[in-house]
Protein backbone atom coordinates (compact mmCIF):
# COMPACT_ATOMS: atom_id res chain seq x y z
CA UNK A 1 4.99 9.61 10.33
CA UNK A 2 5.73 9.36 14.02
CA UNK A 3 9.78 8.43 14.43
CA UNK A 4 9.06 5.49 16.78
CA UNK A 5 6.90 3.73 14.19
CA UNK A 6 9.22 4.56 11.47
CA UNK A 7 12.10 3.32 13.70
CA UNK A 8 10.40 -0.03 14.54
CA UNK A 9 9.69 -0.47 10.87
CA UNK A 10 13.21 -0.15 10.02
CA UNK A 11 14.70 -2.18 12.75
CA UNK A 12 12.01 -4.73 11.69
CA UNK A 13 13.25 -4.30 8.18
CA UNK A 14 16.91 -4.45 8.89
CA UNK A 15 16.61 -7.52 11.35
CA UNK A 16 15.70 -9.55 7.85
CA UNK A 17 18.28 -7.38 5.67
CA UNK A 18 17.01 -4.73 3.43
CA UNK A 19 19.22 -6.28 0.46
CA UNK A 20 18.00 -10.12 1.39
CA UNK A 21 14.14 -8.79 1.04
CA UNK A 22 14.98 -7.05 -2.38
CA UNK A 23 16.74 -9.98 -3.74
CA UNK A 24 14.35 -12.48 -2.58
CA UNK A 25 11.29 -10.37 -4.10
CA UNK A 26 12.98 -10.17 -7.56
CA UNK A 27 13.46 -13.54 -7.66
CA UNK A 28 9.68 -14.20 -6.34
CA UNK A 29 6.96 -11.83 -6.06
CA UNK A 30 5.23 -13.83 -3.94
CA UNK A 31 7.65 -13.57 -0.71
CA UNK A 32 6.34 -10.05 -0.45
CA UNK A 33 3.31 -11.42 1.84
CA UNK A 34 5.55 -13.22 4.09
CA UNK A 35 7.42 -10.56 4.58
CA UNK A 36 4.77 -8.38 5.04
CA UNK A 37 3.41 -10.89 7.60
CA UNK A 38 6.81 -11.14 9.52
CA UNK A 39 7.71 -7.49 9.45
CA UNK A 40 4.12 -6.31 10.81
CA UNK A 41 4.36 -9.32 13.42
CA UNK A 42 7.57 -7.75 14.86
CA UNK A 43 6.21 -4.02 14.83
CA UNK A 44 2.84 -4.98 16.13
CA UNK A 45 4.48 -7.09 18.98
CA UNK A 46 6.46 -4.09 20.03
CA UNK A 47 4.03 -1.67 19.60
CA UNK A 48 1.72 -3.58 22.25
CA UNK A 49 -1.91 -4.41 22.03
CA UNK A 50 -3.25 -1.15 22.89
CA UNK A 51 -1.88 0.69 19.59
CA UNK A 52 -4.42 2.69 17.89
CA UNK A 53 -5.76 2.55 14.55
CA UNK A 54 -4.00 5.49 13.19
CA UNK A 55 -0.61 4.11 14.31
CA UNK A 56 -1.06 0.65 12.74
CA UNK A 57 -2.36 2.64 9.52
CA UNK A 58 0.76 4.72 9.42
CA UNK A 59 2.66 1.38 9.66
CA UNK A 60 0.97 -0.05 6.98
CA UNK A 61 1.61 2.92 4.87
CA UNK A 62 5.17 3.03 5.50
CA UNK A 63 5.62 -0.75 4.92
CA UNK A 64 3.60 -0.53 1.60
CA UNK A 65 6.38 2.33 0.50
CA UNK A 66 9.46 0.16 1.53
CA UNK A 67 7.71 -2.93 -0.52
CA UNK A 68 6.86 -0.72 -3.45
CA UNK A 69 10.31 0.10 -3.73
CA UNK A 70 11.73 -3.16 -3.06
CA UNK A 71 9.60 -4.97 -5.46
CA UNK A 72 10.02 -1.97 -8.02
CA UNK A 73 6.70 -1.49 -8.71
CA UNK A 74 5.87 1.83 -10.19
CA UNK A 75 3.93 4.47 -8.10
CA UNK A 76 3.70 7.94 -7.18
CA UNK A 77 3.46 8.48 -3.24
CA UNK A 78 2.02 11.75 -1.15
CA UNK A 79 1.16 13.54 -4.26
CA UNK A 80 -1.50 16.28 -5.16
CA UNK A 81 -3.73 15.60 -8.29
CA UNK A 82 -6.00 18.31 -9.66
CA UNK A 83 -5.84 19.66 -5.90
CA UNK A 84 -6.47 16.13 -4.46
CA UNK A 85 -4.21 15.03 -1.96
CA UNK A 86 -3.39 11.08 -2.66
CA UNK A 87 -1.63 8.56 -0.63
CA UNK A 88 -0.35 6.40 -3.67
CA UNK A 89 -1.15 6.21 -7.25
CA UNK A 90 -0.32 3.18 -9.49
CA UNK A 91 1.65 3.25 -11.57
CA UNK A 92 1.33 6.99 -11.95
CA UNK A 93 -0.54 10.03 -12.13
CA UNK A 94 0.09 10.65 -16.03
CA UNK A 95 -1.57 7.03 -16.38
CA UNK A 96 -4.40 8.23 -14.21
CA UNK A 97 -4.95 11.29 -16.36
CA UNK A 98 -4.74 9.05 -19.30
CA UNK A 99 -6.21 5.61 -18.63
CA UNK A 100 -7.96 5.42 -15.40
CA UNK A 101 -8.70 1.82 -16.14
CA UNK A 102 -5.04 0.96 -15.89
CA UNK A 103 -4.42 2.89 -12.61
CA UNK A 104 -5.19 2.83 -8.95
CA UNK A 105 -5.77 5.23 -6.47
CA UNK A 106 -4.50 3.74 -2.85
CA UNK A 107 -5.86 5.67 0.44
CA UNK A 108 -4.72 4.95 3.91
CA UNK A 109 -7.66 5.39 6.18
CA UNK A 110 -6.60 6.33 9.67
CA UNK A 111 -9.80 5.61 11.65
CA UNK A 112 -13.20 4.08 10.91
CA UNK A 113 -14.56 6.65 8.60
CA UNK A 114 -13.11 6.27 5.25
CA UNK A 115 -15.52 9.12 3.89
CA UNK A 116 -12.83 11.77 3.11
CA UNK A 117 -10.32 9.74 1.45
CA UNK A 118 -13.01 7.93 -0.54
CA UNK A 119 -14.44 11.53 -1.67
CA UNK A 120 -10.53 12.29 -2.36
CA UNK A 121 -10.01 9.17 -4.84
CA UNK A 122 -13.47 9.45 -6.29
CA UNK A 123 -12.69 12.91 -7.33
CA UNK A 124 -9.78 11.82 -9.77
CA UNK A 125 -10.51 7.80 -10.18
CA UNK A 126 -14.24 7.60 -11.72
CA UNK A 127 -13.48 3.59 -11.69
CA UNK A 128 -14.44 2.22 -8.24
CA UNK A 129 -12.96 -1.15 -8.47
CA UNK A 130 -9.66 0.96 -9.07
CA UNK A 131 -10.22 2.58 -5.50
CA UNK A 132 -8.29 0.58 -2.97
CA UNK A 133 -8.26 1.46 0.65
CA UNK A 134 -5.83 0.28 3.68
CA UNK A 135 -6.79 0.28 7.21
CA UNK A 136 -6.25 -1.31 10.70
CA UNK A 137 -9.38 -2.90 10.84
CA UNK A 138 -12.04 -4.15 8.18
CA UNK A 139 -14.38 -1.43 7.14
CA UNK A 140 -17.67 -2.37 7.01
CA UNK A 141 -20.20 -1.49 4.21
CA UNK A 142 -17.62 0.10 1.86
CA UNK A 143 -17.76 -1.22 -1.84
CA UNK A 144 -14.17 -0.66 -2.08
CA UNK A 145 -11.24 -3.41 -1.93
CA UNK A 146 -10.43 -2.97 1.46
CA UNK A 147 -6.97 -4.42 2.74
CA UNK A 148 -6.60 -4.47 6.76
CA UNK A 149 -4.76 -6.13 9.55
CA UNK A 150 -7.89 -8.12 11.04
CA UNK A 151 -9.06 -11.29 9.99
CA UNK A 152 -11.45 -12.09 7.20
CA UNK A 153 -11.66 -10.04 3.85
CA UNK A 154 -8.56 -9.04 2.19
CA UNK A 155 -5.35 -9.44 4.48
CA UNK A 156 -3.20 -6.44 4.06
CA UNK A 157 0.01 -8.72 3.58
CA UNK A 158 -1.72 -9.63 0.06
CA UNK A 159 -1.67 -5.94 -1.21
CA UNK A 160 1.58 -6.06 -2.92
CA UNK A 161 0.79 -9.29 -4.82
CA UNK A 162 -2.26 -7.68 -6.01
CA UNK A 163 -0.97 -4.77 -7.27
CA UNK A 164 1.72 -6.87 -9.21
CA UNK A 165 -1.16 -8.79 -10.67
CA UNK A 166 -3.12 -5.61 -11.42
CA UNK A 167 -0.51 -4.07 -13.29
CA UNK A 168 0.35 -7.04 -15.48
CA UNK A 169 -3.30 -7.68 -16.49
CA UNK A 170 -3.35 -3.90 -17.58
CA UNK A 171 -0.19 -4.31 -19.27
CA UNK A 172 1.58 -1.58 -17.28
CA UNK A 173 3.96 -3.71 -15.33
CA UNK A 174 6.98 -2.85 -17.74
CA UNK A 175 6.46 1.06 -16.78
CA UNK A 176 9.00 0.64 -14.04
CA UNK A 177 11.86 0.92 -16.39
CA UNK A 178 10.53 4.15 -17.70
CA UNK A 179 10.52 5.47 -14.29
CA UNK A 180 13.94 4.29 -12.96
CA UNK A 181 12.53 2.74 -10.07
């Protein structure tokens, strides 16, 4: 990740306060959406309107990593599963192998063509509804759940809440204790 994006992200997070964010999320998971909007807003205004999609996707991925940690949601990040590079697996690669219906594969699309990322995800997760994509702009003509920064569709700021709901519905939320997160 470019240092300037990481620096901008953590500067915005530190303005609010890491511990404040963690404590607020611990008492109410729904505040994740508010914090995502606020943090992204600060970063986007500092990056400027000409920021390319790759930089914005990198920002989204880095913020997702922070929010997953802050919310204590179980995940594995930047991992290789059966020779395939994946951005994020929820709750774990072990669960993905054992029970794909209880696992998410989240891929970050840098640019407008999700083909390579989708093929990687499909090779390890056959349940298409459990493949989620993150992108700067809404991806057209995709059957996958797509969280993005644009208007319409699924707003990026909603992803942590949706992951939490997914884990609760699948009975996997308690795994965070097993993984020490």
